[in-house]
Amino acid sequence: SDMQAEAQDAARRLSHGNWDAILIADTGSNATTLAAYLAVENVWARAITSEPRSDRKYVVYLGNSFWHDPQFLNEGPDYLSGAVFPTWLGVVESSPSAARFSDAFERVFDRRPGLAGSFAFDALATLQYLMLDSGIRTRSGIRDALSELDGLEGVTGQVSFGADGTSQQTPMLMTISDGGFAPFPQQ
């Protein structure tokens, strides 16, 4: 296919460089395809915590939040082991309240929550906190309270907003380890 030919050509060109890291800004499935072609060219994923073999060229693969999809982990050998990518949903796997949300969502919809469902839940939970728990009843009161909100725990992480109303959330860094996802170790 065209995608495979492009991946093969890109791998051939990338294999001639002396890279520390390669950003693959695509889906996890396409990243796996490119990483497989790079392995054919003797460029391998380097897990931050493992010792490399001397006969291989190693890079750290960097991805995007589309990689946080368990489906692509089953698409072949572990070519992306050690890759690092940001996600908004990493908290779902580490926070008890987020795990409860994820389990309840799956019972109702027969699938794990995605970004839209998770952010919608956080938005409604934030409004519930402001309106029901804090008693705020006006739009201007909600606006003012949002700008002062600092670190309300949500399923996508800490919920807070700047004075201009911009979300101040920071994504969690994840890595691919032992065929699954794990929080990236903080240095």
Protein backbone atom coordinates (compact mmCIF):
# COMPACT_ATOMS: atom_id res chain seq x y z
CA SER A 1 0.00 0.00 0.00
CA ASP A 2 1.00 3.65 -0.31
CA MET A 3 1.32 4.05 3.46
CA GLN A 4 3.66 1.07 3.72
CA ALA A 5 5.79 2.30 0.83
CA GLU A 6 6.02 5.75 2.45
CA ALA A 7 6.94 4.20 5.81
CA GLN A 8 9.59 2.02 4.19
CA ASP A 9 11.08 5.02 2.36
CA ALA A 10 11.01 7.17 5.51
CA ALA A 11 12.70 4.40 7.51
CA ARG A 12 15.44 4.07 4.91
CA ARG A 13 16.10 7.84 5.01
CA LEU A 14 15.93 8.08 8.81
CA SER A 15 18.32 5.17 9.28
CA HIS A 16 21.17 7.26 7.85
CA GLY A 17 20.84 9.95 10.54
CA ASN A 18 22.40 10.08 13.98
CA TRP A 19 19.20 10.74 15.93
CA ASP A 20 18.65 10.62 19.67
CA ALA A 21 14.88 10.63 19.25
CA ILE A 22 12.33 10.38 16.46
CA LEU A 23 8.91 12.02 16.76
CA ILE A 24 6.19 10.00 15.04
CA ALA A 25 3.19 12.33 14.97
CA ASP A 26 0.67 9.76 13.75
CA THR A 27 -1.63 7.07 15.12
CA GLY A 28 -0.18 4.23 17.15
CA SER A 29 -0.94 1.81 14.34
CA ASN A 30 1.03 3.83 11.79
CA ALA A 31 3.81 4.39 14.33
CA THR A 32 4.09 0.62 14.77
CA THR A 33 4.39 0.20 11.00
CA LEU A 34 7.15 2.82 10.76
CA ALA A 35 8.98 1.39 13.79
CA ALA A 36 8.90 -2.08 12.18
CA TYR A 37 10.48 -0.70 8.99
CA LEU A 38 13.05 1.17 11.08
CA ALA A 39 13.93 -2.11 12.84
CA VAL A 40 14.58 -3.66 9.41
CA GLU A 41 17.02 -0.75 8.89
CA ASN A 42 18.60 -1.57 12.31
CA VAL A 43 17.05 1.39 14.17
CA TRP A 44 15.45 0.21 17.40
CA ALA A 45 13.42 1.68 20.23
CA ARG A 46 15.56 2.41 23.25
CA ALA A 47 13.83 1.98 26.56
CA ILE A 48 15.21 4.63 28.89
CA THR A 49 15.91 2.07 31.62
CA SER A 50 17.47 -0.77 29.59
CA GLU A 51 20.99 -1.45 28.37
CA PRO A 52 21.26 -1.38 24.57
CA ARG A 53 22.92 -4.03 22.43
CA SER A 54 26.07 -2.67 20.79
CA ASP A 55 25.21 -3.94 17.29
CA ARG A 56 22.08 -1.78 17.00
CA LYS A 57 21.32 1.90 16.53
CA TYR A 58 18.89 3.11 19.20
CA VAL A 59 16.51 6.05 19.40
CA VAL A 60 13.77 7.11 21.76
CA TYR A 61 10.45 7.24 19.93
CA LEU A 62 8.21 10.16 20.84
CA GLY A 63 4.52 10.03 20.04
CA ASN A 64 1.27 11.90 20.55
CA SER A 65 -1.86 11.26 22.60
CA PHE A 66 -3.37 9.13 19.80
CA TRP A 67 -0.96 6.42 20.92
CA HIS A 68 -2.91 5.86 24.11
CA ASP A 69 -4.99 3.17 22.45
CA PRO A 70 -4.57 -0.40 23.71
CA GLN A 71 -5.65 -1.76 20.34
CA PHE A 72 -2.41 -0.81 18.60
CA LEU A 73 -0.29 -2.62 21.22
CA ASN A 74 -1.54 -5.93 19.81
CA GLU A 75 -0.47 -5.19 16.23
CA GLY A 76 2.97 -6.74 16.25
CA PRO A 77 6.23 -7.14 18.13
CA ASP A 78 7.13 -4.55 20.71
CA TYR A 79 8.81 -2.15 18.27
CA LEU A 80 7.73 0.87 20.32
CA SER A 81 8.81 -0.38 23.74
CA GLY A 82 10.19 2.57 25.69
CA ALA A 83 8.43 5.17 23.54
CA VAL A 84 7.21 8.28 25.36
CA PHE A 85 3.95 10.12 24.64
CA PRO A 86 1.61 12.55 26.40
CA THR A 87 -1.90 11.61 27.39
CA TRP A 88 -4.81 13.13 29.18
CA LEU A 89 -6.12 9.72 30.15
CA GLY A 90 -3.15 8.41 32.12
CA VAL A 91 -4.88 9.42 35.32
CA VAL A 92 -7.68 6.94 34.54
CA GLU A 93 -5.21 4.14 35.18
CA SER A 94 -3.70 5.60 38.35
CA SER A 95 -6.39 7.46 40.31
CA PRO A 96 -9.07 5.53 42.25
CA SER A 97 -11.81 8.05 41.41
CA ALA A 98 -10.82 8.06 37.75
CA ALA A 99 -10.78 4.25 37.72
CA ARG A 100 -14.34 4.27 39.13
CA PHE A 101 -15.39 6.68 36.36
CA SER A 102 -13.74 4.52 33.70
CA ASP A 103 -15.37 1.33 35.03
CA ALA A 104 -18.82 2.98 35.22
CA PHE A 105 -18.43 4.41 31.71
CA GLU A 106 -17.50 0.98 30.37
CA ARG A 107 -20.51 -0.66 32.05
CA VAL A 108 -22.86 1.85 30.39
CA PHE A 109 -21.23 2.22 26.95
CA ASP A 110 -19.39 -1.14 26.64
CA ARG A 111 -16.08 0.61 25.92
CA ARG A 112 -13.41 2.58 27.75
CA PRO A 113 -13.88 6.37 27.83
CA GLY A 114 -12.12 8.52 25.27
CA LEU A 115 -10.98 12.12 25.53
CA ALA A 116 -14.40 13.65 24.80
CA GLY A 117 -16.21 11.59 27.45
CA SER A 118 -13.49 12.21 30.02
CA PHE A 119 -13.36 15.97 29.48
CA ALA A 120 -17.17 16.16 29.46
CA PHE A 121 -17.25 14.32 32.79
CA ASP A 122 -14.69 16.74 34.25
CA ALA A 123 -16.64 19.76 32.95
CA LEU A 124 -19.87 18.56 34.53
CA ALA A 125 -18.15 17.53 37.77
CA THR A 126 -16.55 20.99 37.96
CA LEU A 127 -19.92 22.68 37.45
CA GLN A 128 -21.48 20.40 40.06
CA TYR A 129 -18.75 21.34 42.51
CA LEU A 130 -19.19 25.07 41.86
CA MET A 131 -22.99 25.17 41.72
CA LEU A 132 -24.13 22.48 44.14
CA ASP A 133 -21.24 22.18 46.58
CA SER A 134 -20.19 25.86 46.61
CA GLY A 135 -23.62 27.40 45.98
CA ILE A 136 -22.64 29.62 43.06
CA ARG A 137 -25.70 30.51 40.97
CA THR A 138 -24.67 33.15 38.40
CA ARG A 139 -22.61 33.00 35.20
CA SER A 140 -20.29 35.71 36.46
CA GLY A 141 -19.91 33.85 39.75
CA ILE A 142 -18.99 30.65 37.90
CA ARG A 143 -16.53 32.55 35.67
CA ASP A 144 -14.85 34.15 38.69
CA ALA A 145 -14.74 30.86 40.60
CA LEU A 146 -13.20 29.05 37.60
CA SER A 147 -10.34 31.56 37.45
CA GLU A 148 -9.67 30.91 41.15
CA LEU A 149 -10.07 27.13 40.93
CA ASP A 150 -6.75 25.49 41.64
CA GLY A 151 -6.21 21.79 41.30
CA LEU A 152 -9.66 20.23 41.52
CA GLU A 153 -9.04 16.51 40.91
CA GLY A 154 -10.64 15.31 37.67
CA VAL A 155 -10.38 12.14 35.60
CA THR A 156 -8.09 13.97 33.15
CA GLY A 157 -5.86 15.36 35.92
CA GLN A 158 -5.89 18.51 38.02
CA VAL A 159 -8.53 20.97 36.78
CA SER A 160 -7.58 24.65 36.96
CA PHE A 161 -7.97 27.72 34.76
CA GLY A 162 -5.97 30.89 34.15
CA ALA A 163 -7.40 34.38 34.61
CA ASP A 164 -8.25 34.43 30.89
CA GLY A 165 -10.26 31.18 31.19
CA THR A 166 -7.64 28.97 29.53
CA SER A 167 -7.29 25.46 30.92
CA GLN A 168 -4.05 24.98 32.84
CA GLN A 169 -4.04 21.18 32.71
CA THR A 170 -0.81 19.38 31.97
CA PRO A 171 -0.89 16.01 30.24
CA MET A 172 0.69 12.99 31.85
CA LEU A 173 3.69 11.37 30.16
CA MET A 174 3.34 7.66 29.47
CA THR A 175 5.67 5.00 28.13
CA ILE A 176 5.17 1.63 26.49
CA SER A 177 6.53 -1.08 28.76
CA ASP A 178 6.03 -4.85 28.92
CA GLY A 179 3.39 -4.72 26.17
CA GLY A 180 1.27 -2.11 27.97
CA PHE A 181 1.17 1.49 29.11
CA ALA A 182 2.90 2.81 32.23
CA PRO A 183 3.47 6.28 33.64
CA PHE A 184 6.81 7.66 32.45
CA PRO A 185 9.19 7.76 35.41
CA GLN A 186 9.74 11.29 36.69
CA GLN A 187 13.44 12.12 36.94
